[in-house]
Amino acid sequence: MGECRLIAFAFTLLQFIIMLRFPNPNNNEWLNKYNDLVESVECGKVNFSGGKSIEEGRLTLHHIIPRSLAPELSGDTNNHIWLPFKEHMDLHYYLWKANPDYGIQLWFGCVFGRKHGYWNLPTEAEYNQLKKDVARYRREHRKKKILTSIEE
């Protein structure tokens, strides 16, 4: 698809999904940061070298359109981007700031990154808020699972 192969594809789809899932226009700041970072990586504006470990800049796979929004795109390579752990976590951070339901996708990387000194949330207050968002998300999804199994 060219140098910036998926920019048009992803942004068109993402803008549509944003209208459905992120109704608060104040979230645009975080989604713009998300789009800017994806575009920078895709267009080669971010320089990094791959290695065998996170310390050496090993690349990680990120789904541009989150799997929870479009599971049918999870295997589509046009929806994949490879980037270092720090930038990967930055993308999940931006999604979480735009919509607290995305905290669960940020949680593992945050705990792992914090433990090993690779990445951390900017403030302790945000870390505490993330813990609350993840706990709320788990409670809500546990209830949904129970209700679904009762209905079946």
C-alpha atoms as a PDB file:
ATOM      1  CA  MET A   1       0.000   0.000   0.000  1.00  0.00           C
ATOM      2  CA  GLY A   2       2.993   2.335  -0.090  1.00  0.00           C
ATOM      3  CA  GLU A   3       5.126   4.100   2.502  1.00  0.00           C
ATOM      4  CA  CYS A   4       2.203   5.075   4.686  1.00  0.00           C
ATOM      5  CA  ARG A   5       0.217   2.003   3.643  1.00  0.00           C
ATOM      6  CA  LEU A   6      -2.520   1.980   6.194  1.00  0.00           C
ATOM      7  CA  ILE A   7      -2.962   5.581   7.179  1.00  0.00           C
ATOM      8  CA  ALA A   8      -6.025   6.227   5.009  1.00  0.00           C
ATOM      9  CA  PHE A   9      -7.495   2.792   5.804  1.00  0.00           C
ATOM     10  CA  ALA A  10      -7.017   3.068   9.548  1.00  0.00           C
ATOM     11  CA  PHE A  11      -7.946   6.693  10.008  1.00  0.00           C
ATOM     12  CA  THR A  12     -11.146   6.395   7.986  1.00  0.00           C
ATOM     13  CA  LEU A  13     -12.241   3.379   9.989  1.00  0.00           C
ATOM     14  CA  LEU A  14     -10.987   4.838  13.255  1.00  0.00           C
ATOM     15  CA  GLN A  15     -12.870   8.101  12.733  1.00  0.00           C
ATOM     16  CA  PHE A  16     -16.085   6.134  12.179  1.00  0.00           C
ATOM     17  CA  ILE A  17     -15.485   4.046  15.296  1.00  0.00           C
ATOM     18  CA  ILE A  18     -14.577   7.159  17.271  1.00  0.00           C
ATOM     19  CA  MET A  19     -17.971   8.674  16.492  1.00  0.00           C
ATOM     20  CA  LEU A  20     -19.615   5.541  17.902  1.00  0.00           C
ATOM     21  CA  ARG A  21     -17.377   4.797  20.885  1.00  0.00           C
ATOM     22  CA  PHE A  22     -15.958   8.169  21.929  1.00  0.00           C
ATOM     23  CA  PRO A  23     -18.919  10.564  21.915  1.00  0.00           C
ATOM     24  CA  ASN A  24     -17.155  13.137  24.101  1.00  0.00           C
ATOM     25  CA  PRO A  25     -15.429  15.646  21.780  1.00  0.00           C
ATOM     26  CA  ASN A  26     -12.933  16.516  24.534  1.00  0.00           C
ATOM     27  CA  ASN A  27     -11.308  13.140  23.883  1.00  0.00           C
ATOM     28  CA  ASN A  28     -10.089  14.310  20.483  1.00  0.00           C
ATOM     29  CA  GLU A  29      -6.823  15.554  22.028  1.00  0.00           C
ATOM     30  CA  TRP A  30      -5.887  11.994  23.021  1.00  0.00           C
ATOM     31  CA  LEU A  31      -7.110  10.436  19.792  1.00  0.00           C
ATOM     32  CA  ASN A  32      -5.132  13.007  17.813  1.00  0.00           C
ATOM     33  CA  LYS A  33      -2.004  12.053  19.777  1.00  0.00           C
ATOM     34  CA  TYR A  34      -2.786   8.396  19.024  1.00  0.00           C
ATOM     35  CA  ASN A  35      -3.177   9.101  15.298  1.00  0.00           C
ATOM     36  CA  ASP A  36      -0.038  11.266  15.213  1.00  0.00           C
ATOM     37  CA  LEU A  37       2.114   8.538  16.770  1.00  0.00           C
ATOM     38  CA  VAL A  38       0.718   5.826  14.464  1.00  0.00           C
ATOM     39  CA  GLU A  39       1.340   8.053  11.453  1.00  0.00           C
ATOM     40  CA  SER A  40       4.879   8.875  12.612  1.00  0.00           C
ATOM     41  CA  VAL A  41       5.755   5.203  12.936  1.00  0.00           C
ATOM     42  CA  GLU A  42       4.069   4.186   9.681  1.00  0.00           C
ATOM     43  CA  CYS A  43       5.696   6.972   7.677  1.00  0.00           C
ATOM     44  CA  GLY A  44       9.154   6.314   9.082  1.00  0.00           C
ATOM     45  CA  LYS A  45       9.345   9.511  11.133  1.00  0.00           C
ATOM     46  CA  VAL A  46      10.193   7.539  14.305  1.00  0.00           C
ATOM     47  CA  ASN A  47      13.632   5.941  14.304  1.00  0.00           C
ATOM     48  CA  PHE A  48      14.257   2.815  16.318  1.00  0.00           C
ATOM     49  CA  SER A  49      16.260  -0.350  15.923  1.00  0.00           C
ATOM     50  CA  GLY A  50      14.981  -3.794  16.797  1.00  0.00           C
ATOM     51  CA  GLY A  51      16.792  -5.971  19.303  1.00  0.00           C
ATOM     52  CA  LYS A  52      16.287  -9.205  21.176  1.00  0.00           C
ATOM     53  CA  SER A  53      15.029  -7.654  24.391  1.00  0.00           C
ATOM     54  CA  ILE A  54      12.939  -4.714  25.482  1.00  0.00           C
ATOM     55  CA  GLU A  55      16.113  -2.944  26.647  1.00  0.00           C
ATOM     56  CA  GLU A  56      17.507  -3.217  23.105  1.00  0.00           C
ATOM     57  CA  GLY A  57      14.311  -1.879  21.541  1.00  0.00           C
ATOM     58  CA  ARG A  58      12.581  -5.126  20.584  1.00  0.00           C
ATOM     59  CA  LEU A  59       9.483  -4.362  18.566  1.00  0.00           C
ATOM     60  CA  THR A  60       5.992  -5.263  19.737  1.00  0.00           C
ATOM     61  CA  LEU A  61       2.830  -5.756  17.693  1.00  0.00           C
ATOM     62  CA  HIS A  62      -0.014  -3.264  18.137  1.00  0.00           C
ATOM     63  CA  HIS A  63      -3.487  -3.447  16.577  1.00  0.00           C
ATOM     64  CA  ILE A  64      -4.273   0.059  15.318  1.00  0.00           C
ATOM     65  CA  ILE A  65      -8.017  -0.492  15.435  1.00  0.00           C
ATOM     66  CA  PRO A  66      -8.414  -2.252  18.810  1.00  0.00           C
ATOM     67  CA  ARG A  67      -9.468  -5.898  18.615  1.00  0.00           C
ATOM     68  CA  SER A  68     -12.354  -5.158  20.957  1.00  0.00           C
ATOM     69  CA  LEU A  69     -13.793  -2.695  18.425  1.00  0.00           C
ATOM     70  CA  ALA A  70     -13.186  -4.713  15.265  1.00  0.00           C
ATOM     71  CA  PRO A  71     -12.322  -8.360  15.988  1.00  0.00           C
ATOM     72  CA  GLU A  72     -12.598  -9.145  12.285  1.00  0.00           C
ATOM     73  CA  LEU A  73      -9.498  -6.971  11.697  1.00  0.00           C
ATOM     74  CA  SER A  74      -7.294  -8.652  14.311  1.00  0.00           C
ATOM     75  CA  GLY A  75      -5.569 -10.809  11.696  1.00  0.00           C
ATOM     76  CA  ASP A  76      -5.427  -8.110   9.024  1.00  0.00           C
ATOM     77  CA  THR A  77      -1.809  -7.006   8.583  1.00  0.00           C
ATOM     78  CA  ASN A  78      -3.038  -3.580   7.461  1.00  0.00           C
ATOM     79  CA  ASN A  79      -4.252  -3.147  11.032  1.00  0.00           C
ATOM     80  CA  HIS A  80      -0.871  -4.073  12.573  1.00  0.00           C
ATOM     81  CA  ILE A  81       2.011  -1.831  13.454  1.00  0.00           C
ATOM     82  CA  TRP A  82       5.361  -2.843  14.947  1.00  0.00           C
ATOM     83  CA  LEU A  83       6.929  -0.474  17.435  1.00  0.00           C
ATOM     84  CA  PRO A  84       9.042  -0.399  20.603  1.00  0.00           C
ATOM     85  CA  PHE A  85       7.457  -1.159  23.968  1.00  0.00           C
ATOM     86  CA  LYS A  86       7.474   2.477  25.121  1.00  0.00           C
ATOM     87  CA  GLU A  87       5.607   3.732  22.057  1.00  0.00           C
ATOM     88  CA  HIS A  88       3.249   0.747  22.254  1.00  0.00           C
ATOM     89  CA  MET A  89       2.386   1.685  25.810  1.00  0.00           C
ATOM     90  CA  ASP A  90       2.000   5.340  24.798  1.00  0.00           C
ATOM     91  CA  LEU A  91      -0.669   4.279  22.270  1.00  0.00           C
ATOM     92  CA  HIS A  92      -2.577   2.310  24.914  1.00  0.00           C
ATOM     93  CA  TYR A  93      -2.231   5.268  27.287  1.00  0.00           C
ATOM     94  CA  TYR A  94      -3.807   7.598  24.710  1.00  0.00           C
ATOM     95  CA  LEU A  95      -6.702   5.170  24.170  1.00  0.00           C
ATOM     96  CA  TRP A  96      -7.252   4.902  27.928  1.00  0.00           C
ATOM     97  CA  LYS A  97      -7.246   8.690  28.307  1.00  0.00           C
ATOM     98  CA  ALA A  98      -9.873   8.904  25.544  1.00  0.00           C
ATOM     99  CA  ASN A  99     -12.025   6.117  27.005  1.00  0.00           C
ATOM    100  CA  PRO A 100     -11.502   4.538  30.470  1.00  0.00           C
ATOM    101  CA  ASP A 101     -12.783   1.194  29.167  1.00  0.00           C
ATOM    102  CA  TYR A 102      -9.400   0.735  27.479  1.00  0.00           C
ATOM    103  CA  GLY A 103      -7.608   0.618  30.819  1.00  0.00           C
ATOM    104  CA  ILE A 104      -7.604  -3.165  30.781  1.00  0.00           C
ATOM    105  CA  GLN A 105      -5.424  -3.158  27.648  1.00  0.00           C
ATOM    106  CA  LEU A 106      -2.998  -0.778  29.346  1.00  0.00           C
ATOM    107  CA  TRP A 107      -2.840  -2.606  32.680  1.00  0.00           C
ATOM    108  CA  PHE A 108      -0.458  -5.486  31.901  1.00  0.00           C
ATOM    109  CA  GLY A 109       2.048  -3.290  30.104  1.00  0.00           C
ATOM    110  CA  CYS A 110       1.860  -0.714  32.858  1.00  0.00           C
ATOM    111  CA  VAL A 111       2.529  -3.263  35.603  1.00  0.00           C
ATOM    112  CA  PHE A 112       5.303  -4.951  33.586  1.00  0.00           C
ATOM    113  CA  GLY A 113       6.855  -1.661  32.491  1.00  0.00           C
ATOM    114  CA  ARG A 114       6.668  -0.179  35.970  1.00  0.00           C
ATOM    115  CA  LYS A 115       8.247  -3.256  37.548  1.00  0.00           C
ATOM    116  CA  HIS A 116      11.168  -3.325  35.104  1.00  0.00           C
ATOM    117  CA  GLY A 117      11.586   0.435  34.665  1.00  0.00           C
ATOM    118  CA  TYR A 118      10.624   0.501  30.966  1.00  0.00           C
ATOM    119  CA  TRP A 119       7.480   2.625  31.133  1.00  0.00           C
ATOM    120  CA  ASN A 120       5.219   4.207  33.711  1.00  0.00           C
ATOM    121  CA  LEU A 121       2.207   6.465  33.858  1.00  0.00           C
ATOM    122  CA  PRO A 122       3.079  10.147  34.216  1.00  0.00           C
ATOM    123  CA  THR A 123       1.623  10.460  37.737  1.00  0.00           C
ATOM    124  CA  GLU A 124       0.735   8.320  40.727  1.00  0.00           C
ATOM    125  CA  ALA A 125      -2.813   9.706  40.559  1.00  0.00           C
ATOM    126  CA  GLU A 126      -3.168   8.320  37.019  1.00  0.00           C
ATOM    127  CA  TYR A 127      -1.844   4.953  38.191  1.00  0.00           C
ATOM    128  CA  ASN A 128      -4.483   4.893  40.944  1.00  0.00           C
ATOM    129  CA  GLN A 129      -7.187   5.924  38.459  1.00  0.00           C
ATOM    130  CA  LEU A 130      -6.112   3.145  36.097  1.00  0.00           C
ATOM    131  CA  LYS A 131      -6.437   0.610  38.921  1.00  0.00           C
ATOM    132  CA  LYS A 132      -9.987   1.848  39.583  1.00  0.00           C
ATOM    133  CA  ASP A 133     -10.901   1.727  35.879  1.00  0.00           C
ATOM    134  CA  VAL A 134      -9.573  -1.820  35.558  1.00  0.00           C
ATOM    135  CA  ALA A 135     -11.464  -2.956  38.676  1.00  0.00           C
ATOM    136  CA  ARG A 136     -14.686  -1.396  37.340  1.00  0.00           C
ATOM    137  CA  TYR A 137     -14.148  -2.993  33.904  1.00  0.00           C
ATOM    138  CA  ARG A 138     -13.600  -6.440  35.470  1.00  0.00           C
ATOM    139  CA  ARG A 139     -16.711  -6.116  37.671  1.00  0.00           C
ATOM    140  CA  GLU A 140     -18.877  -5.106  34.709  1.00  0.00           C
ATOM    141  CA  HIS A 141     -17.579  -7.906  32.503  1.00  0.00           C
ATOM    142  CA  ARG A 142     -17.929 -10.471  35.263  1.00  0.00           C
ATOM    143  CA  LYS A 143     -21.619  -9.458  35.590  1.00  0.00           C
ATOM    144  CA  LYS A 144     -22.062  -9.715  31.806  1.00  0.00           C
ATOM    145  CA  LYS A 145     -20.571 -13.233  31.827  1.00  0.00           C
ATOM    146  CA  ILE A 146     -22.891 -14.315  34.626  1.00  0.00           C
ATOM    147  CA  LEU A 147     -25.961 -12.858  32.892  1.00  0.00           C
ATOM    148  CA  THR A 148     -24.989 -14.453  29.590  1.00  0.00           C
ATOM    149  CA  SER A 149     -24.551 -17.888  31.169  1.00  0.00           C
ATOM    150  CA  ILE A 150     -27.909 -17.569  32.970  1.00  0.00           C
ATOM    151  CA  GLU A 151     -29.675 -16.657  29.704  1.00  0.00           C
ATOM    152  CA  GLU A 152     -28.170 -19.667  27.912  1.00  0.00           C
END
